[in-house]
Amino acid sequence: EFSSADIGTANGILDGVRQLFPNNEALANATLVRGATKVSILDVVDRCKASLAGYGQRSRGTCYDDLPKGGKGPTLVVVPAGGGLPSFAISKYEISVADYNAYCKASKNCKGLGGDPAFPVTNISNKQVQQYVEWLSQGTGFTYRIPTNKEWTYAANAQGKQPSKDFNCLLRLGDQVLKGYSLVSVKQGKANGWGLVNYVGNAQELVKNGNGWSVNGGAYTDSMSNCDVSLTKQHDGKADGLTGIRLVRELSGVKS
């Protein structure tokens, strides 16, 4: 353990040991935990292995990271390498109101949001998203971030392994609305071949697109005929009631 005043020294020692043992996963996943007066090295359990790639439809094919104050991070699936991309993990579901409120409670950086805790979190700005991502990364010891457009599209397509088109998008019969009344639970819907749920419809999902942002997959307000993995719109990063998030978590030892 190191005193809080020696945090720079502690980081330097940890980096030096990593260089001596570059293939040691335990050291690669070690993080510094700041207590009231001391900083200690905590070994992080890495449950997201490349061997899980492509098995996200099965409960045993998912993984998660421990949160610093107890509880679990978002449920993740591992996407196989391909399409010019290395293997990576991505949240199986859209990040929910419950996920975000757990962060607000633990970090005290924000007030919890109202609404159904099972629904996707919306009405948060890019700045709030980044704060949540940084908290997850620092607390778990792994790198979380918003997916790039290429990563999101590759994971959503799942090499063509698609369920029947039954998304939470707007479907009318004359003046009667059959689907697309509102947001629904992040867990409601069919998974693609790699285990992603609600990647089309429900909340449109924020992605990094070059130097800007876009939203992919459409929302519940988009017509069922238009709802598709290819549906993308530019986004200004401001909070709105239709935009949610799904996060990438980089795999240990895999360069992005």
Protein backbone atom coordinates (compact mmCIF):
# COMPACT_ATOMS: atom_id res chain seq x y z
CA GLU A 1 0.00 0.00 0.00
CA PHE A 2 1.05 3.58 -0.66
CA SER A 3 0.00 6.84 0.94
CA SER A 4 -2.26 9.03 -1.16
CA ALA A 5 0.62 11.47 -1.52
CA ASP A 6 2.64 8.77 -3.25
CA ILE A 7 0.10 7.96 -5.98
CA GLY A 8 2.56 9.03 -8.70
CA THR A 9 5.23 6.74 -7.28
CA ALA A 10 2.73 3.88 -7.03
CA ASN A 11 1.73 4.26 -10.66
CA GLY A 12 5.37 4.35 -11.71
CA ILE A 13 6.15 1.15 -9.83
CA LEU A 14 3.13 -0.62 -11.29
CA ASP A 15 4.04 0.44 -14.84
CA GLY A 16 7.62 -0.74 -14.33
CA VAL A 17 6.51 -4.17 -13.13
CA ARG A 18 4.16 -4.47 -16.12
CA GLN A 19 7.10 -3.83 -18.47
CA LEU A 20 9.10 -6.58 -16.77
CA PHE A 21 6.22 -9.05 -17.14
CA PRO A 22 4.36 -7.93 -20.30
CA ASN A 23 2.38 -11.18 -20.66
CA ASN A 24 1.10 -11.34 -17.08
CA GLU A 25 -2.68 -10.79 -17.23
CA ALA A 26 -3.03 -10.20 -13.49
CA LEU A 27 -0.58 -7.29 -13.70
CA ALA A 28 -2.18 -6.01 -16.88
CA ASN A 29 -5.53 -5.87 -15.08
CA ALA A 30 -4.24 -4.49 -11.76
CA THR A 31 -5.57 -1.09 -10.76
CA LEU A 32 -4.95 1.41 -7.96
CA VAL A 33 -7.75 1.84 -5.45
CA ARG A 34 -7.76 5.06 -3.45
CA GLY A 35 -9.03 4.73 0.11
CA ALA A 36 -9.43 7.44 2.71
CA THR A 37 -5.69 7.65 3.34
CA LYS A 38 -4.03 4.99 1.22
CA VAL A 39 -3.82 3.61 -2.29
CA SER A 40 -3.55 -0.12 -2.83
CA ILE A 41 -3.17 -2.42 -5.84
CA LEU A 42 -6.25 -4.51 -6.47
CA ASP A 43 -6.23 -7.57 -8.70
CA VAL A 44 -9.13 -7.46 -11.12
CA VAL A 45 -10.94 -10.59 -12.23
CA ASP A 46 -11.22 -10.60 -16.02
CA ARG A 47 -14.24 -12.67 -17.04
CA CYS A 48 -14.38 -11.39 -20.63
CA LYS A 49 -12.16 -13.74 -22.59
CA ALA A 50 -11.72 -14.01 -26.35
CA SER A 51 -12.90 -17.63 -26.03
CA LEU A 52 -16.44 -16.29 -25.42
CA ALA A 53 -16.54 -14.64 -28.84
CA GLY A 54 -19.72 -15.41 -30.73
CA TYR A 55 -21.49 -17.17 -27.84
CA GLY A 56 -23.41 -14.20 -26.44
CA GLN A 57 -26.81 -15.76 -27.01
CA ARG A 58 -26.04 -18.19 -24.18
CA SER A 59 -26.03 -17.07 -20.56
CA ARG A 60 -22.65 -18.77 -20.11
CA GLY A 61 -21.37 -16.83 -23.10
CA THR A 62 -21.81 -13.44 -21.38
CA CYS A 63 -19.51 -11.68 -18.94
CA TYR A 64 -19.37 -8.67 -16.65
CA ASP A 65 -16.96 -6.66 -14.52
CA ASP A 66 -17.19 -6.01 -10.79
CA LEU A 67 -18.01 -2.48 -9.71
CA PRO A 68 -15.73 -0.86 -7.10
CA LYS A 69 -18.39 -0.59 -4.38
CA GLY A 70 -20.09 -3.90 -5.06
CA GLY A 71 -22.49 -5.01 -7.75
CA LYS A 72 -21.98 -5.83 -11.38
CA GLY A 73 -21.24 -3.73 -14.42
CA PRO A 74 -23.24 -4.05 -17.66
CA THR A 75 -23.73 -7.53 -19.08
CA LEU A 76 -21.30 -7.96 -21.98
CA VAL A 77 -20.93 -10.23 -24.99
CA VAL A 78 -17.67 -10.80 -26.84
CA VAL A 79 -17.68 -10.14 -30.58
CA PRO A 80 -15.36 -12.22 -32.80
CA ALA A 81 -12.58 -10.48 -34.70
CA GLY A 82 -13.44 -9.67 -38.30
CA GLY A 83 -14.22 -6.90 -40.73
CA GLY A 84 -10.84 -5.35 -40.04
CA LEU A 85 -11.59 -5.20 -36.29
CA PRO A 86 -10.06 -7.08 -33.37
CA SER A 87 -12.27 -8.96 -30.94
CA PHE A 88 -14.01 -6.72 -28.39
CA ALA A 89 -16.77 -6.87 -25.80
CA ILE A 90 -19.96 -4.83 -26.09
CA SER A 91 -22.95 -4.46 -23.80
CA LYS A 92 -25.58 -7.06 -24.57
CA TYR A 93 -28.34 -4.58 -23.77
CA GLU A 94 -28.72 -0.85 -24.02
CA ILE A 95 -27.48 0.79 -20.82
CA SER A 96 -30.53 1.04 -18.57
CA VAL A 97 -31.82 3.72 -16.21
CA ALA A 98 -30.91 1.32 -13.38
CA ASP A 99 -27.31 1.08 -14.66
CA TYR A 100 -26.96 4.84 -14.81
CA ASN A 101 -28.64 5.43 -11.44
CA ALA A 102 -26.25 2.95 -9.79
CA TYR A 103 -23.40 5.10 -11.11
CA CYS A 104 -25.03 8.31 -9.82
CA LYS A 105 -25.50 6.78 -6.36
CA ALA A 106 -21.97 5.40 -6.11
CA SER A 107 -20.13 8.38 -7.59
CA LYS A 108 -22.37 11.19 -6.33
CA ASN A 109 -21.65 12.90 -9.66
CA CYS A 110 -25.31 13.16 -10.63
CA LYS A 111 -28.87 12.82 -9.50
CA GLY A 112 -30.65 9.60 -10.35
CA LEU A 113 -33.12 9.66 -13.22
CA GLY A 114 -36.80 8.95 -12.88
CA GLY A 115 -38.80 6.56 -15.00
CA ASP A 116 -38.80 2.81 -15.37
CA PRO A 117 -35.38 1.47 -14.27
CA ALA A 118 -35.58 -1.29 -16.90
CA PHE A 119 -35.87 1.19 -19.79
CA PRO A 120 -32.80 2.45 -21.67
CA VAL A 121 -31.23 5.57 -20.23
CA THR A 122 -31.96 8.63 -22.37
CA ASN A 123 -31.90 12.39 -21.82
CA ILE A 124 -28.21 12.46 -20.93
CA SER A 125 -25.67 14.55 -22.82
CA ASN A 126 -22.38 13.43 -24.32
CA LYS A 127 -20.61 15.00 -21.32
CA GLN A 128 -22.70 12.90 -18.91
CA VAL A 129 -22.07 9.80 -21.02
CA GLN A 130 -18.33 10.41 -20.90
CA GLN A 131 -18.40 10.85 -17.12
CA TYR A 132 -20.22 7.53 -16.77
CA VAL A 133 -17.75 5.80 -19.11
CA GLU A 134 -14.76 7.18 -17.20
CA TRP A 135 -16.25 6.01 -13.90
CA LEU A 136 -16.76 2.51 -15.27
CA SER A 137 -13.22 2.39 -16.66
CA GLN A 138 -11.57 3.65 -13.50
CA GLY A 139 -13.67 1.48 -11.21
CA THR A 140 -13.35 -1.80 -13.10
CA GLY A 141 -9.80 -1.43 -14.41
CA PHE A 142 -10.88 -1.96 -18.02
CA THR A 143 -11.43 0.50 -20.86
CA TYR A 144 -15.07 1.30 -21.58
CA ARG A 145 -16.13 3.71 -24.32
CA ILE A 146 -18.79 4.57 -26.88
CA PRO A 147 -18.43 2.27 -29.92
CA THR A 148 -17.27 3.58 -33.22
CA ASN A 149 -19.74 3.42 -36.08
CA LYS A 150 -17.73 0.55 -37.58
CA GLU A 151 -17.73 -1.44 -34.33
CA TRP A 152 -21.42 -0.89 -33.69
CA THR A 153 -22.41 -1.87 -37.25
CA TYR A 154 -20.22 -4.97 -37.21
CA ALA A 155 -21.62 -6.15 -33.86
CA ALA A 156 -25.21 -5.41 -34.85
CA ASN A 157 -24.93 -7.22 -38.19
CA ALA A 158 -23.43 -10.32 -36.52
CA GLN A 159 -22.35 -11.60 -39.94
CA GLY A 160 -25.99 -11.85 -41.04
CA LYS A 161 -27.22 -13.80 -38.00
CA GLN A 162 -30.43 -11.83 -37.58
CA PRO A 163 -33.75 -12.67 -35.89
CA SER A 164 -37.07 -11.97 -37.58
CA LYS A 165 -37.78 -8.26 -37.92
CA ASP A 166 -39.80 -7.67 -34.76
CA PHE A 167 -38.22 -4.53 -33.36
CA ASN A 168 -39.70 -1.86 -31.09
CA CYS A 169 -40.34 0.51 -33.98
CA LEU A 170 -43.48 2.28 -35.13
CA LEU A 171 -45.96 -0.06 -36.80
CA ARG A 172 -49.40 1.19 -37.81
CA LEU A 173 -52.50 -0.41 -39.24
CA GLY A 174 -54.44 2.55 -40.53
CA ASP A 175 -54.73 4.92 -37.57
CA GLN A 176 -54.05 2.15 -35.06
CA VAL A 177 -50.56 1.90 -33.53
CA LEU A 178 -49.61 -1.77 -33.21
CA LYS A 179 -46.01 -1.27 -32.03
CA GLY A 180 -43.80 1.63 -31.08
CA TYR A 181 -45.90 3.19 -28.34
CA SER A 182 -42.90 4.03 -26.17
CA LEU A 183 -39.57 2.77 -24.92
CA VAL A 184 -39.58 -0.75 -23.49
CA SER A 185 -37.25 -2.76 -21.25
CA VAL A 186 -33.72 -3.14 -22.57
CA LYS A 187 -34.17 -6.92 -22.22
CA GLN A 188 -37.36 -7.10 -24.28
CA GLY A 189 -36.71 -8.38 -27.79
CA LYS A 190 -34.84 -11.03 -29.70
CA ALA A 191 -31.06 -11.28 -29.78
CA ASN A 192 -28.94 -11.39 -32.90
CA GLY A 193 -26.49 -14.24 -33.45
CA TRP A 194 -23.91 -12.67 -31.13
CA GLY A 195 -26.37 -11.87 -28.36
CA LEU A 196 -27.13 -8.15 -28.84
CA VAL A 197 -30.71 -7.14 -27.96
CA ASN A 198 -32.56 -3.99 -29.09
CA TYR A 199 -29.76 -2.84 -31.37
CA VAL A 200 -32.50 -1.77 -33.78
CA GLY A 201 -35.41 0.29 -32.46
CA ASN A 202 -36.28 1.19 -28.86
CA ALA A 203 -33.62 3.91 -28.26
CA GLN A 204 -31.37 5.03 -31.10
CA GLU A 205 -27.78 4.42 -30.03
CA LEU A 206 -24.95 6.92 -29.90
CA VAL A 207 -21.77 6.05 -31.81
CA LYS A 208 -18.52 7.84 -32.61
CA ASN A 209 -18.42 8.68 -36.30
CA GLY A 210 -15.11 10.20 -37.38
CA ASN A 211 -14.72 13.47 -35.50
CA GLY A 212 -18.43 13.67 -34.75
CA TRP A 213 -21.35 11.64 -33.50
CA SER A 214 -24.24 9.79 -35.01
CA VAL A 215 -27.11 7.63 -33.77
CA ASN A 216 -27.71 4.18 -35.23
CA GLY A 217 -30.50 1.66 -35.46
CA GLY A 218 -33.48 3.97 -35.19
CA ALA A 219 -35.82 4.62 -32.27
CA TYR A 220 -39.33 3.47 -31.39
CA THR A 221 -40.65 6.52 -33.23
CA ASP A 222 -39.10 5.41 -36.55
CA SER A 223 -41.24 3.45 -38.98
CA MET A 224 -40.78 -0.32 -38.89
CA SER A 225 -40.08 -0.22 -42.62
CA ASN A 226 -37.11 2.10 -41.99
CA CYS A 227 -35.77 0.44 -38.84
CA ASP A 228 -32.57 -1.35 -39.76
CA VAL A 229 -28.92 -1.70 -38.75
CA SER A 230 -28.10 0.66 -41.63
CA LEU A 231 -30.32 3.49 -40.30
CA THR A 232 -28.03 6.27 -39.10
CA LYS A 233 -28.49 9.98 -38.37
CA GLN A 234 -26.12 12.76 -37.39
CA HIS A 235 -26.28 13.82 -33.74
CA ASP A 236 -25.21 16.98 -31.92
CA GLY A 237 -24.40 15.29 -28.61
CA LYS A 238 -27.17 17.06 -26.70
CA ALA A 239 -29.53 15.16 -24.43
CA ASP A 240 -32.81 13.97 -25.93
CA GLY A 241 -35.50 11.45 -25.11
CA LEU A 242 -34.76 9.11 -28.04
CA THR A 243 -31.00 8.57 -27.73
CA GLY A 244 -29.44 5.86 -25.57
CA ILE A 245 -26.07 4.15 -25.33
CA ARG A 246 -24.42 0.77 -25.71
CA LEU A 247 -20.79 0.52 -24.62
CA VAL A 248 -17.69 -1.22 -25.92
CA ARG A 249 -15.31 -2.74 -23.39
CA GLU A 250 -11.83 -3.46 -24.77
CA LEU A 251 -10.34 -6.91 -24.17
CA SER A 252 -7.12 -7.33 -22.23
CA GLY A 253 -4.10 -7.82 -24.46
CA VAL A 254 -6.06 -6.97 -27.65
CA LYS A 255 -5.07 -3.78 -29.43
CA SER A 256 -8.02 -1.73 -30.68
